[in-house]
Amino acid sequence: MKKWSTKDIIIIALIGFLFGGIFLATSLVYVPLKAALGAVGYAPFANSILFGLWVMAGTGCCSSYSKTR
């Protein structure tokens, strides 16, 4: 197993920063979506619709990191 270089740490930090922006945008979409779905009784489905974005960070980070090695 190789040691982490400065380049590796910077790439992982940039990926984390990118996904932080995506999560912030998702939270801005989530509140109106939950309100709209709550009016018809489907408020719990707002989590299900946006769940893939939360899973994307881990898989995106791992796949990007493996490509840089």
C-alpha atoms as a PDB file:
ATOM      1  CA  MET A   1       0.000   0.000   0.000  1.00  0.00           C
ATOM      2  CA  LYS A   2       1.423   3.331  -1.059  1.00  0.00           C
ATOM      3  CA  LYS A   3       1.512   6.360   1.174  1.00  0.00           C
ATOM      4  CA  TRP A   4      -0.743   9.266   0.375  1.00  0.00           C
ATOM      5  CA  SER A   5       0.906  12.124  -1.453  1.00  0.00           C
ATOM      6  CA  THR A   6      -0.075  15.775  -1.255  1.00  0.00           C
ATOM      7  CA  LYS A   7      -1.744  15.429  -4.659  1.00  0.00           C
ATOM      8  CA  ASP A   8      -3.966  12.616  -3.378  1.00  0.00           C
ATOM      9  CA  ILE A   9      -5.080  14.634  -0.371  1.00  0.00           C
ATOM     10  CA  ILE A  10      -5.839  17.714  -2.473  1.00  0.00           C
ATOM     11  CA  ILE A  11      -7.879  15.688  -4.979  1.00  0.00           C
ATOM     12  CA  ILE A  12      -9.934  14.068  -2.229  1.00  0.00           C
ATOM     13  CA  ALA A  13     -10.493  17.480  -0.586  1.00  0.00           C
ATOM     14  CA  LEU A  14     -11.657  18.974  -3.902  1.00  0.00           C
ATOM     15  CA  ILE A  15     -14.053  16.090  -4.465  1.00  0.00           C
ATOM     16  CA  GLY A  16     -15.420  16.616  -0.955  1.00  0.00           C
ATOM     17  CA  PHE A  17     -15.871  20.331  -1.636  1.00  0.00           C
ATOM     18  CA  LEU A  18     -17.688  19.561  -4.894  1.00  0.00           C
ATOM     19  CA  PHE A  19     -20.087  17.136  -3.266  1.00  0.00           C
ATOM     20  CA  GLY A  20     -20.659  19.587  -0.409  1.00  0.00           C
ATOM     21  CA  GLY A  21     -22.002  22.016  -3.005  1.00  0.00           C
ATOM     22  CA  ILE A  22     -24.197  19.295  -4.465  1.00  0.00           C
ATOM     23  CA  PHE A  23     -25.562  18.490  -0.993  1.00  0.00           C
ATOM     24  CA  LEU A  24     -26.287  22.168  -0.366  1.00  0.00           C
ATOM     25  CA  ALA A  25     -28.204  22.408  -3.635  1.00  0.00           C
ATOM     26  CA  THR A  26     -30.062  19.211  -2.757  1.00  0.00           C
ATOM     27  CA  SER A  27     -31.221  20.673   0.539  1.00  0.00           C
ATOM     28  CA  LEU A  28     -32.597  23.684  -1.334  1.00  0.00           C
ATOM     29  CA  VAL A  29     -34.607  21.323  -3.551  1.00  0.00           C
ATOM     30  CA  TYR A  30     -35.677  19.007  -0.703  1.00  0.00           C
ATOM     31  CA  VAL A  31     -37.745  21.493   1.322  1.00  0.00           C
ATOM     32  CA  PRO A  32     -40.100  22.563  -1.509  1.00  0.00           C
ATOM     33  CA  LEU A  33     -40.298  18.975  -2.772  1.00  0.00           C
ATOM     34  CA  LYS A  34     -41.290  17.702   0.670  1.00  0.00           C
ATOM     35  CA  ALA A  35     -43.901  20.447   0.994  1.00  0.00           C
ATOM     36  CA  ALA A  36     -45.346  19.681  -2.432  1.00  0.00           C
ATOM     37  CA  LEU A  37     -45.460  15.936  -1.800  1.00  0.00           C
ATOM     38  CA  GLY A  38     -46.746  16.466   1.736  1.00  0.00           C
ATOM     39  CA  ALA A  39     -49.828  18.189   0.359  1.00  0.00           C
ATOM     40  CA  VAL A  40     -50.883  14.944  -1.279  1.00  0.00           C
ATOM     41  CA  GLY A  41     -49.651  12.636   1.495  1.00  0.00           C
ATOM     42  CA  TYR A  42     -46.365  11.524  -0.054  1.00  0.00           C
ATOM     43  CA  ALA A  43     -43.864  13.493   2.067  1.00  0.00           C
ATOM     44  CA  PRO A  44     -41.740  10.409   2.953  1.00  0.00           C
ATOM     45  CA  PHE A  45     -41.024   9.853  -0.743  1.00  0.00           C
ATOM     46  CA  ALA A  46     -39.058  13.121  -0.909  1.00  0.00           C
ATOM     47  CA  ASN A  47     -36.214  11.273   0.861  1.00  0.00           C
ATOM     48  CA  SER A  48     -36.420   8.370  -1.571  1.00  0.00           C
ATOM     49  CA  ILE A  49     -36.294  10.610  -4.622  1.00  0.00           C
ATOM     50  CA  LEU A  50     -33.116  12.388  -3.495  1.00  0.00           C
ATOM     51  CA  PHE A  51     -31.371   9.469  -1.778  1.00  0.00           C
ATOM     52  CA  GLY A  52     -29.159   8.692  -4.766  1.00  0.00           C
ATOM     53  CA  LEU A  53     -27.401  12.029  -4.432  1.00  0.00           C
ATOM     54  CA  TRP A  54     -26.255  11.124  -0.907  1.00  0.00           C
ATOM     55  CA  VAL A  55     -24.895   7.776  -2.071  1.00  0.00           C
ATOM     56  CA  MET A  56     -23.103   9.418  -4.989  1.00  0.00           C
ATOM     57  CA  ALA A  57     -20.411  11.050  -2.829  1.00  0.00           C
ATOM     58  CA  GLY A  58     -18.824   7.846  -1.585  1.00  0.00           C
ATOM     59  CA  THR A  59     -18.865   6.066  -4.899  1.00  0.00           C
ATOM     60  CA  GLY A  60     -17.711   9.140  -6.807  1.00  0.00           C
ATOM     61  CA  CYS A  61     -14.844   9.729  -4.437  1.00  0.00           C
ATOM     62  CA  CYS A  62     -13.676   6.105  -4.521  1.00  0.00           C
ATOM     63  CA  SER A  63     -13.858   5.820  -8.292  1.00  0.00           C
ATOM     64  CA  SER A  64     -12.085   9.136  -8.840  1.00  0.00           C
ATOM     65  CA  TYR A  65      -9.399   8.293  -6.366  1.00  0.00           C
ATOM     66  CA  SER A  66      -8.722   4.884  -7.904  1.00  0.00           C
ATOM     67  CA  LYS A  67      -8.285   6.520 -11.325  1.00  0.00           C
ATOM     68  CA  THR A  68      -5.650   8.920 -10.023  1.00  0.00           C
ATOM     69  CA  ARG A  69      -3.466   6.181  -8.494  1.00  0.00           C
END
